[in-house]
Amino acid sequence: MKAKKIIPILVLTTCLSALGACTQNDQKISFGSYWQTNSLITENLHEKLVYDVEYTDESASMFDYTVNYTNGQYVTELQSATENGKNILIYKTELTINVTYTYKGTASETFEDKVVTEAKFYPSENSLRPISSFKEIVSTSPANNGSTLESCYHKFHYETSVTYNENCTGGTATVTENPDDETPTTKTTEFTFDKDKYSRLDNETLLFAIRGIPTTTNSAKIQTYSPFVEREQIVALSFSAETATEFTYTENGESKTRNISYRPVSIVLDENNPGATQKAWYAKVADTTKNTYRNVMLRLETPISYGLGTLVYKLKSVDILSN
């Protein structure tokens, strides 16, 4: 199975984040429900966020081909629910984007890429402890140069599912390659978490989980399991100083232009070869009982492999739906 090769682009687009530190030995965080207007009570929430995803390329390609991403959209949906008599959260995301590869300025081809996820986990009072997740990836990822148009990219189609045991000390992960084939390749792995000092989250909830980090946290590490590399990974983040700027988006169908205070955060794997660093902007808590912007992610920048540009996510709309 070639799953490790797909990590450079669309996998990283939606799977990196980190949490906060408490003490030198125990770096777990006490999450707050800052995605709610009032974080001190239990709110029945059904939220939908839509982001435009734009491609920026500030340097010439070092290869014989170029890439261009268009029609990008990222949608997240958060909903409270009850399962087996317990309160849980269900978090769904969908990234869709077109990518065009052009070889030596002449031959080109366009593909429709997508990443769809669904994760179930417990609320903040249970440390966002993961229950399960599912992910489908259809990715046309850049290759390390190429001698023909067809060799400029790698096409992948994967599905992953992860189920955690009750105490989140481990679980089971399944990766399926080419799930639409008559004979797909499937591998199931049992895993355990070795370290106990970091908070443990599922990959598919990580960008959301940053919304639950207190403003007193300046840097942190968290622990997650990656089904693609078949091992635990530690993800580090570092918050920058608070700043503010104007954002324009629609809220329940009404156009809004607001000056919003936010905290930038850098997100990167804590490894010898960490790969690219993602950068995100999250609205800052103003009042825990009247948190107007609910720590929403306002912007995300995720670099593309081989220095081929950056995908920039910009908040387009916020809708609070009936649950």
Protein backbone atom coordinates (compact mmCIF):
# COMPACT_ATOMS: atom_id res chain seq x y z
CA MET A 1 0.00 0.00 0.00
CA LYS A 2 1.29 3.42 -1.01
CA ALA A 3 -0.66 5.53 1.48
CA LYS A 4 2.39 7.39 2.81
CA LYS A 5 2.91 9.08 -0.57
CA ILE A 6 -0.30 11.10 -0.38
CA ILE A 7 0.64 13.06 2.73
CA PRO A 8 2.20 16.08 0.90
CA ILE A 9 -0.99 17.87 -0.16
CA LEU A 10 -4.67 17.25 0.47
CA VAL A 11 -4.15 15.09 3.54
CA LEU A 12 -2.34 17.92 5.29
CA THR A 13 -4.95 20.38 4.17
CA THR A 14 -7.36 19.23 6.82
CA CYS A 15 -5.51 17.18 9.35
CA LEU A 16 -3.13 19.35 11.35
CA SER A 17 -3.65 21.22 14.58
CA ALA A 18 -2.59 21.20 18.21
CA LEU A 19 -3.63 21.79 21.76
CA GLY A 20 -2.38 23.43 24.92
CA ALA A 21 0.09 22.71 27.69
CA CYS A 22 -0.50 22.75 31.44
CA THR A 23 2.66 21.60 33.21
CA GLN A 24 6.06 20.29 32.24
CA ASN A 25 5.03 16.64 32.73
CA ASP A 26 1.31 16.81 32.01
CA GLN A 27 0.66 18.84 28.88
CA LYS A 28 -3.04 18.05 28.56
CA ILE A 29 -5.48 20.89 28.21
CA SER A 30 -8.77 21.75 29.84
CA PHE A 31 -10.89 22.61 26.83
CA GLY A 32 -13.54 25.27 26.83
CA SER A 33 -16.64 25.16 24.63
CA TYR A 34 -15.63 28.40 22.92
CA TRP A 35 -17.42 27.43 19.70
CA GLN A 36 -20.58 28.34 21.65
CA THR A 37 -21.88 31.83 22.36
CA ASN A 38 -21.88 30.93 26.07
CA SER A 39 -19.11 28.48 26.84
CA LEU A 40 -20.30 27.90 30.41
CA ILE A 41 -23.51 26.06 29.50
CA THR A 42 -24.47 23.22 27.15
CA GLU A 43 -25.88 24.62 23.93
CA ASN A 44 -27.70 22.58 21.31
CA LEU A 45 -25.61 23.62 18.31
CA HIS A 46 -25.84 23.05 14.58
CA GLU A 47 -23.29 25.21 12.74
CA LYS A 48 -22.26 25.36 9.10
CA LEU A 49 -19.18 27.27 7.92
CA VAL A 50 -18.22 27.78 4.26
CA TYR A 51 -14.77 28.90 3.09
CA ASP A 52 -13.54 29.98 -0.32
CA VAL A 53 -10.26 28.23 -1.12
CA GLU A 54 -7.92 30.29 -3.30
CA TYR A 55 -4.59 29.40 -4.84
CA THR A 56 -1.59 31.71 -4.61
CA ASP A 57 1.70 31.13 -6.40
CA GLU A 58 4.45 33.63 -5.65
CA SER A 59 7.36 31.90 -7.36
CA ALA A 60 8.07 30.14 -10.64
CA SER A 61 7.86 26.36 -10.70
CA MET A 62 11.23 24.60 -10.51
CA PHE A 63 9.74 21.76 -12.57
CA ASP A 64 8.75 21.35 -16.22
CA TYR A 65 5.11 21.66 -15.20
CA THR A 66 2.88 24.08 -13.31
CA VAL A 67 -0.24 23.60 -11.21
CA ASN A 68 -3.29 25.79 -10.80
CA TYR A 69 -6.12 25.27 -8.31
CA THR A 70 -9.59 26.71 -8.97
CA ASN A 71 -13.19 26.50 -7.71
CA GLY A 72 -12.07 25.60 -4.21
CA GLN A 73 -14.58 25.34 -1.38
CA TYR A 74 -14.29 23.99 2.16
CA VAL A 75 -17.43 23.31 4.19
CA THR A 76 -17.57 22.31 7.87
CA GLU A 77 -20.64 21.24 9.80
CA LEU A 78 -20.78 20.84 13.58
CA GLN A 79 -23.78 19.27 15.29
CA SER A 80 -24.52 18.17 18.83
CA ALA A 81 -26.13 14.76 19.24
CA THR A 82 -26.77 11.91 21.66
CA GLU A 83 -25.37 8.42 21.22
CA ASN A 84 -25.77 5.54 23.69
CA GLY A 85 -27.23 7.99 26.17
CA LYS A 86 -24.19 10.29 26.05
CA ASN A 87 -23.75 13.77 24.59
CA ILE A 88 -21.41 13.80 21.62
CA LEU A 89 -20.37 16.12 18.78
CA ILE A 90 -20.43 15.18 15.10
CA TYR A 91 -18.08 17.12 12.85
CA LYS A 92 -18.23 16.84 9.05
CA THR A 93 -16.00 18.54 6.49
CA GLU A 94 -15.80 18.58 2.71
CA LEU A 95 -13.06 20.11 0.58
CA THR A 96 -13.64 20.25 -3.18
CA ILE A 97 -11.21 21.83 -5.63
CA ASN A 98 -10.12 21.57 -9.26
CA VAL A 99 -6.44 21.18 -10.10
CA THR A 100 -4.91 21.73 -13.54
CA TYR A 101 -1.48 20.41 -14.49
CA THR A 102 0.25 22.04 -17.46
CA TYR A 103 3.38 20.45 -18.91
CA LYS A 104 5.91 22.79 -20.55
CA GLY A 105 3.21 25.39 -21.14
CA THR A 106 1.31 23.31 -23.67
CA ALA A 107 -0.41 20.05 -22.68
CA SER A 108 -2.73 20.27 -19.69
CA GLU A 109 -5.31 18.25 -17.79
CA THR A 110 -7.79 19.14 -15.04
CA PHE A 111 -8.99 16.94 -12.18
CA GLU A 112 -11.62 17.26 -9.45
CA ASP A 113 -10.08 16.58 -6.04
CA LYS A 114 -11.97 16.18 -2.79
CA VAL A 115 -11.57 15.29 0.88
CA VAL A 116 -14.64 14.27 2.89
CA THR A 117 -14.53 13.54 6.64
CA GLU A 118 -16.87 12.70 9.49
CA ALA A 119 -15.76 12.44 13.13
CA LYS A 120 -17.57 11.67 16.37
CA PHE A 121 -16.16 12.78 19.71
CA TYR A 122 -17.16 13.82 23.20
CA PRO A 123 -17.67 17.47 24.25
CA SER A 124 -15.14 19.64 26.05
CA GLU A 125 -15.99 18.32 29.51
CA ASN A 126 -14.63 14.98 28.26
CA SER A 127 -11.55 16.57 26.66
CA LEU A 128 -12.89 16.14 23.10
CA ARG A 129 -12.01 12.45 23.44
CA PRO A 130 -12.40 10.79 20.03
CA ILE A 131 -14.89 8.02 19.31
CA SER A 132 -14.43 7.37 15.59
CA SER A 133 -13.67 8.99 12.25
CA PHE A 134 -14.02 8.36 8.53
CA LYS A 135 -12.16 10.02 5.68
CA GLU A 136 -12.28 9.75 1.88
CA ILE A 137 -9.53 11.31 -0.22
CA VAL A 138 -9.55 11.73 -4.00
CA SER A 139 -6.26 13.48 -4.68
CA THR A 140 -4.17 14.37 -7.68
CA SER A 141 -0.91 15.31 -5.97
CA PRO A 142 2.22 16.87 -7.52
CA ALA A 143 5.10 14.60 -8.44
CA ASN A 144 8.80 15.35 -8.15
CA ASN A 145 8.97 16.70 -11.72
CA GLY A 146 7.97 14.58 -14.73
CA SER A 147 8.93 13.79 -18.30
CA THR A 148 5.35 13.73 -19.62
CA LEU A 149 2.07 15.31 -18.58
CA GLU A 150 0.92 12.03 -17.04
CA SER A 151 4.04 11.73 -14.89
CA CYS A 152 3.62 15.21 -13.34
CA TYR A 153 1.09 13.96 -10.80
CA HIS A 154 0.04 10.96 -8.70
CA LYS A 155 -3.63 10.01 -8.51
CA PHE A 156 -4.93 8.55 -5.25
CA HIS A 157 -8.22 7.34 -3.88
CA TYR A 158 -8.26 6.27 -0.24
CA GLU A 159 -10.74 5.70 2.53
CA THR A 160 -9.73 5.52 6.17
CA SER A 161 -11.67 4.67 9.30
CA VAL A 162 -10.45 4.89 12.88
CA THR A 163 -12.25 3.59 15.97
CA TYR A 164 -10.99 4.31 19.49
CA ASN A 165 -11.49 2.32 22.67
CA GLU A 166 -13.46 3.87 25.52
CA ASN A 167 -10.45 5.30 27.36
CA CYS A 168 -8.67 6.38 24.16
CA THR A 169 -5.58 4.32 24.97
CA GLY A 170 -5.64 2.89 21.45
CA GLY A 171 -7.91 1.61 18.73
CA THR A 172 -8.22 0.18 15.25
CA ALA A 173 -7.42 1.90 11.94
CA THR A 174 -8.31 0.69 8.45
CA VAL A 175 -6.93 2.14 5.21
CA THR A 176 -8.49 1.12 1.88
CA GLU A 177 -6.78 1.93 -1.40
CA ASN A 178 -8.96 2.31 -4.51
CA PRO A 179 -12.21 1.45 -2.70
CA ASP A 180 -14.22 1.49 -5.95
CA ASP A 181 -12.15 -1.32 -7.48
CA GLU A 182 -13.47 -4.87 -7.55
CA THR A 183 -10.53 -5.92 -5.40
CA PRO A 184 -9.48 -2.91 -3.27
CA THR A 185 -6.41 -3.12 -1.07
CA THR A 186 -7.29 -2.92 2.62
CA LYS A 187 -5.07 -2.92 5.68
CA THR A 188 -6.25 -2.88 9.29
CA THR A 189 -3.91 -1.95 12.13
CA GLU A 190 -4.35 -2.16 15.89
CA PHE A 191 -2.60 0.69 17.70
CA THR A 192 -1.92 1.98 21.20
CA PHE A 193 -0.81 5.39 22.42
CA ASP A 194 2.56 5.21 24.20
CA LYS A 195 2.72 8.72 25.66
CA ASP A 196 0.27 9.87 28.31
CA LYS A 197 1.26 13.50 28.87
CA TYR A 198 -0.40 14.96 25.74
CA SER A 199 -4.05 15.38 24.87
CA ARG A 200 -5.20 12.79 22.34
CA LEU A 201 -7.41 13.77 19.44
CA ASP A 202 -8.41 12.37 16.10
CA ASN A 203 -6.82 13.94 13.03
CA GLU A 204 -10.19 15.01 11.64
CA THR A 205 -11.08 17.13 14.68
CA LEU A 206 -7.79 18.96 15.03
CA LEU A 207 -8.53 22.19 13.22
CA PHE A 208 -11.83 22.39 15.06
CA ALA A 209 -10.23 21.65 18.44
CA ILE A 210 -8.10 24.81 18.35
CA ARG A 211 -11.35 26.69 18.94
CA GLY A 212 -11.42 25.18 22.43
CA ILE A 213 -7.98 26.38 23.50
CA PRO A 214 -7.91 29.09 26.21
CA THR A 215 -6.32 32.40 25.28
CA THR A 216 -3.70 31.84 28.02
CA THR A 217 -2.09 29.10 25.89
CA ASN A 218 0.87 30.37 23.84
CA SER A 219 2.39 27.07 22.64
CA ALA A 220 1.47 23.42 22.88
CA LYS A 221 1.81 19.87 21.60
CA ILE A 222 -0.80 17.17 21.10
CA GLN A 223 -0.83 13.51 20.20
CA THR A 224 -2.74 11.86 17.38
CA TYR A 225 -2.62 8.63 15.41
CA SER A 226 -2.03 8.78 11.65
CA PRO A 227 -3.41 5.79 9.73
CA PHE A 228 -1.20 6.72 6.77
CA VAL A 229 2.12 6.46 8.58
CA GLU A 230 0.75 3.83 11.00
CA ARG A 231 2.04 5.45 14.16
CA GLU A 232 1.50 8.20 16.69
CA GLN A 233 2.46 11.73 15.74
CA ILE A 234 3.02 14.81 17.89
CA VAL A 235 1.81 18.09 16.47
CA ALA A 236 3.12 21.41 17.75
CA LEU A 237 1.57 24.84 17.58
CA SER A 238 2.63 28.32 18.46
CA PHE A 239 0.28 31.28 18.89
CA SER A 240 1.31 34.79 17.89
CA ALA A 241 0.18 38.03 19.49
CA GLU A 242 -3.45 39.05 19.14
CA THR A 243 -4.27 41.38 16.29
CA ALA A 244 -7.43 42.60 14.52
CA THR A 245 -8.66 43.35 11.03
CA GLU A 246 -11.91 43.64 9.08
CA PHE A 247 -13.61 40.52 7.74
CA THR A 248 -16.57 40.40 5.38
CA TYR A 249 -18.81 37.31 5.28
CA THR A 250 -22.47 36.40 5.46
CA GLU A 251 -24.14 35.36 8.70
CA ASN A 252 -27.45 33.52 8.30
CA GLY A 253 -27.73 35.07 4.86
CA GLU A 254 -26.97 38.66 5.93
CA SER A 255 -23.75 40.36 4.82
CA LYS A 256 -21.48 41.46 7.67
CA THR A 257 -18.29 43.50 7.80
CA ARG A 258 -16.72 43.37 11.24
CA ASN A 259 -13.45 44.22 12.89
CA ILE A 260 -12.50 40.96 14.62
CA SER A 261 -9.66 40.29 17.04
CA TYR A 262 -7.89 37.02 16.27
CA ARG A 263 -4.83 34.98 17.22
CA PRO A 264 -2.60 33.57 14.47
CA VAL A 265 -1.30 30.06 15.09
CA SER A 266 1.47 28.09 13.36
CA ILE A 267 0.87 24.34 13.06
CA VAL A 268 3.58 21.79 12.31
CA LEU A 269 4.55 18.19 13.03
CA ASP A 270 7.03 17.83 15.89
CA GLU A 271 9.46 15.64 13.93
CA ASN A 272 12.95 15.79 12.44
CA ASN A 273 11.44 16.25 8.98
CA PRO A 274 8.22 18.06 9.82
CA GLY A 275 7.22 19.20 6.36
CA ALA A 276 5.45 22.50 5.74
CA THR A 277 3.98 24.71 8.43
CA GLN A 278 0.34 25.67 8.22
CA LYS A 279 -0.89 29.02 9.53
CA ALA A 280 -4.40 29.77 10.74
CA TRP A 281 -6.30 32.70 12.24
CA TYR A 282 -8.86 32.07 14.98
CA ALA A 283 -11.26 34.63 16.41
CA LYS A 284 -10.33 35.41 20.01
CA VAL A 285 -12.61 34.96 23.02
CA ALA A 286 -13.91 38.33 24.13
CA ASP A 287 -16.37 37.17 26.79
CA THR A 288 -16.90 33.51 27.74
CA THR A 289 -20.63 34.11 28.25
CA LYS A 290 -21.11 36.39 25.22
CA ASN A 291 -18.62 35.03 22.72
CA THR A 292 -19.95 36.63 19.55
CA TYR A 293 -17.49 35.09 17.08
CA ARG A 294 -17.23 31.70 18.83
CA ASN A 295 -13.51 31.30 18.11
CA VAL A 296 -14.28 30.52 14.48
CA MET A 297 -11.39 29.86 12.11
CA LEU A 298 -11.21 32.95 9.90
CA ARG A 299 -8.36 31.98 7.59
CA LEU A 300 -6.05 29.03 6.89
CA GLU A 301 -2.91 28.88 4.75
CA THR A 302 -1.61 25.45 3.75
CA PRO A 303 1.47 25.13 1.51
CA ILE A 304 1.53 22.76 -1.45
CA SER A 305 4.31 20.24 -1.96
CA TYR A 306 7.61 21.23 -3.59
CA GLY A 307 7.03 24.96 -3.14
CA LEU A 308 4.27 25.01 -5.76
CA GLY A 309 2.21 27.65 -3.98
CA THR A 310 -0.31 27.88 -1.16
CA LEU A 311 -4.00 27.20 -0.67
CA VAL A 312 -5.68 30.01 1.29
CA TYR A 313 -9.01 29.36 3.02
CA LYS A 314 -11.15 32.47 3.69
CA LEU A 315 -14.37 32.45 5.68
CA LYS A 316 -17.32 33.09 3.37
CA SER A 317 -20.42 32.31 5.40
CA VAL A 318 -21.65 31.32 8.86
CA ASP A 319 -25.03 29.69 9.38
CA ILE A 320 -26.57 28.58 12.66
CA LEU A 321 -29.16 25.95 11.75
CA SER A 322 -32.03 24.43 13.70
CA ASN A 323 -30.98 21.19 15.38
